[in-house]
Structures are given as structure tokens and as C-alpha cells.
Amino acid sequence: MRNCDVGEFDLLQKTELKIQQIALRGANLNDVAAVVAEMIGIERDEVVVTDVFNDTMRIDILRKSLDIYSLIGKGKRLLLKLAQLPGVGVSAETSFCSEGMLGGFRLIAPMQGKH
């Protein structure tokens, strides 16, 4: 395992977070990245939206390691914060997909209703 700060785990080069079934209509992707960065406690310039196609958004975390506890269980709160942004819509079908540690966002209860 590569060296990481205490409490942080190596992402093993699996740094992409995919949000599926998300509606984006004129949303400011810089604002989306800022919300993600805030939720996981990293700097804004360490998060970038790399692709949006149909109802899927791909976000890259530009770090080699993260504190796993900054991820687990924050998925629902992240979706609620994203839903507050102009042009972003989430629903009960909105979900996270990621390989590796970023999959920690999936350890959440599903959304209830549309936002």
C-alpha cells in the first residue's frame, strides 16, 4: 500500500465517481464540483466534472487518497445539496456508481420522492 496520511486510504487510481439518473439542464458544473468537494472535505480544485451524457455525470477526484469516513453515508446529503443547485434534478432513481473506495457513497438509504 502506498503512503497516505493517517486516517486516509489510497484510492488505488480509482478516482471516478459516477452519478446516474441525474437531470442536468443548464447546471453550472463548477458549482456541482464545489458541492462534491465540500461534502468530502477536500479543496474545490481537487474535483472536476469530466463528462455529462444523457442522465449520467462523471466526476473525477484529483487526489491519491481520501479519508474513508468523509465518504460513508454522505450520499443522501450530497444528493439533497446537489438538488438545491439551479438546473440539477435528482429522484429516487438517482444513484452513485464507483469502483474502489468512492463506492462508499452507495452506503446510503435511497432518496424518497423527487427533488
Protein backbone atom coordinates (compact mmCIF):
# COMPACT_ATOMS: atom_id res chain seq x y z
CA MET A 1 0.00 0.00 0.00
CA ARG A 2 1.26 3.48 -0.82
CA ASN A 3 1.91 6.02 1.90
CA CYS A 4 -1.10 8.11 2.91
CA ASP A 5 -1.82 10.48 5.75
CA VAL A 6 -3.08 8.82 8.93
CA GLY A 7 -6.81 8.13 8.54
CA GLU A 8 -6.63 8.24 4.76
CA PHE A 9 -6.82 5.31 2.37
CA ASP A 10 -5.25 5.01 -1.06
CA LEU A 11 -7.81 5.30 -3.86
CA LEU A 12 -5.68 2.90 -5.95
CA GLN A 13 -6.19 5.09 -9.02
CA LYS A 14 -9.97 4.55 -8.92
CA THR A 15 -10.90 8.20 -8.64
CA GLU A 16 -14.07 8.43 -10.73
CA LEU A 17 -17.47 8.87 -9.16
CA LYS A 18 -20.45 8.36 -11.44
CA ILE A 19 -23.89 9.77 -10.61
CA GLN A 20 -26.63 8.10 -12.61
CA GLN A 21 -30.22 9.18 -13.25
CA ILE A 22 -29.43 12.84 -12.57
CA ALA A 23 -31.10 15.60 -14.58
CA LEU A 24 -28.84 18.47 -15.63
CA ARG A 25 -30.41 21.37 -17.51
CA GLY A 26 -28.14 24.38 -17.69
CA ALA A 27 -26.47 23.49 -14.39
CA ASN A 28 -23.15 25.12 -13.56
CA LEU A 29 -20.76 22.17 -13.39
CA ASN A 30 -18.27 24.19 -11.35
CA ASP A 31 -20.96 24.54 -8.68
CA VAL A 32 -21.57 20.77 -8.81
CA ALA A 33 -17.85 20.12 -8.29
CA ALA A 34 -17.76 22.62 -5.41
CA VAL A 35 -20.62 20.82 -3.62
CA VAL A 36 -18.89 17.45 -4.02
CA ALA A 37 -15.61 18.87 -2.72
CA GLU A 38 -17.34 20.43 0.28
CA MET A 39 -19.15 17.20 1.14
CA ILE A 40 -15.97 15.12 1.20
CA GLY A 41 -13.83 17.80 2.80
CA ILE A 42 -11.32 18.48 0.06
CA GLU A 43 -10.30 21.57 -1.89
CA ARG A 44 -12.52 22.69 -4.78
CA ASP A 45 -9.67 22.37 -7.28
CA GLU A 46 -9.38 18.66 -6.44
CA VAL A 47 -12.77 17.85 -8.01
CA VAL A 48 -13.73 18.15 -11.67
CA VAL A 49 -16.81 17.12 -13.63
CA THR A 50 -15.28 15.26 -16.55
CA ASP A 51 -18.32 14.13 -18.54
CA VAL A 52 -22.07 14.52 -18.76
CA PHE A 53 -24.01 12.29 -21.12
CA ASN A 54 -27.75 11.69 -21.07
CA ASP A 55 -28.54 11.20 -17.37
CA THR A 56 -25.05 10.29 -16.18
CA MET A 57 -22.42 12.62 -14.75
CA ARG A 58 -18.81 11.59 -14.17
CA ILE A 59 -16.73 13.32 -11.53
CA ASP A 60 -13.01 12.84 -11.00
CA ILE A 61 -11.35 13.26 -7.61
CA LEU A 62 -7.83 14.61 -8.23
CA ARG A 63 -6.30 13.02 -5.14
CA LYS A 64 -4.50 9.78 -4.49
CA SER A 65 -6.08 9.22 -1.08
CA LEU A 66 -9.14 10.17 0.96
CA ASP A 67 -10.41 9.72 4.47
CA ILE A 68 -12.96 6.91 4.04
CA TYR A 69 -15.10 8.44 6.78
CA SER A 70 -15.54 11.57 4.65
CA LEU A 71 -17.50 9.41 2.17
CA ILE A 72 -19.54 6.82 4.01
CA GLY A 73 -23.15 7.71 4.46
CA LYS A 74 -22.98 11.13 2.81
CA GLY A 75 -24.68 10.14 -0.43
CA LYS A 76 -28.17 11.24 0.51
CA ARG A 77 -26.94 14.57 1.87
CA LEU A 78 -24.88 15.09 -1.29
CA LEU A 79 -27.92 14.48 -3.48
CA LEU A 80 -30.00 16.89 -1.41
CA LYS A 81 -27.32 19.59 -1.74
CA LEU A 82 -26.99 18.99 -5.48
CA ALA A 83 -30.78 19.22 -5.87
CA GLN A 84 -30.62 22.75 -4.43
CA LEU A 85 -28.44 23.91 -7.32
CA PRO A 86 -30.19 25.57 -10.28
CA GLY A 87 -30.55 23.12 -13.18
CA VAL A 88 -29.91 19.95 -11.14
CA GLY A 89 -32.66 17.39 -10.55
CA VAL A 90 -32.45 14.19 -8.53
CA SER A 91 -35.03 11.49 -7.87
CA ALA A 92 -35.46 8.17 -6.10
CA GLU A 93 -33.61 6.59 -9.04
CA THR A 94 -30.51 8.79 -8.70
CA SER A 95 -27.58 6.65 -7.62
CA PHE A 96 -23.80 6.53 -7.28
CA CYS A 97 -21.53 4.11 -9.05
CA SER A 98 -17.83 3.78 -8.48
CA GLU A 99 -15.14 1.20 -8.20
CA GLY A 100 -12.99 1.22 -5.13
CA MET A 101 -13.39 3.44 -2.08
CA LEU A 102 -15.56 6.06 -3.76
CA GLY A 103 -18.29 3.43 -3.68
CA GLY A 104 -18.72 4.44 -0.03
CA PHE A 105 -21.31 6.94 -1.23
CA ARG A 106 -23.54 3.96 -2.08
CA LEU A 107 -23.86 3.03 1.58
CA ILE A 108 -26.95 5.17 1.98
CA ALA A 109 -30.70 4.95 2.07
CA PRO A 110 -32.34 5.69 -1.32
CA MET A 111 -33.92 9.08 -1.93
CA GLN A 112 -37.63 9.39 -1.26
CA GLY A 113 -39.69 11.21 -3.89
CA LYS A 114 -38.44 13.75 -6.41
CA HIS A 115 -36.36 16.82 -5.61
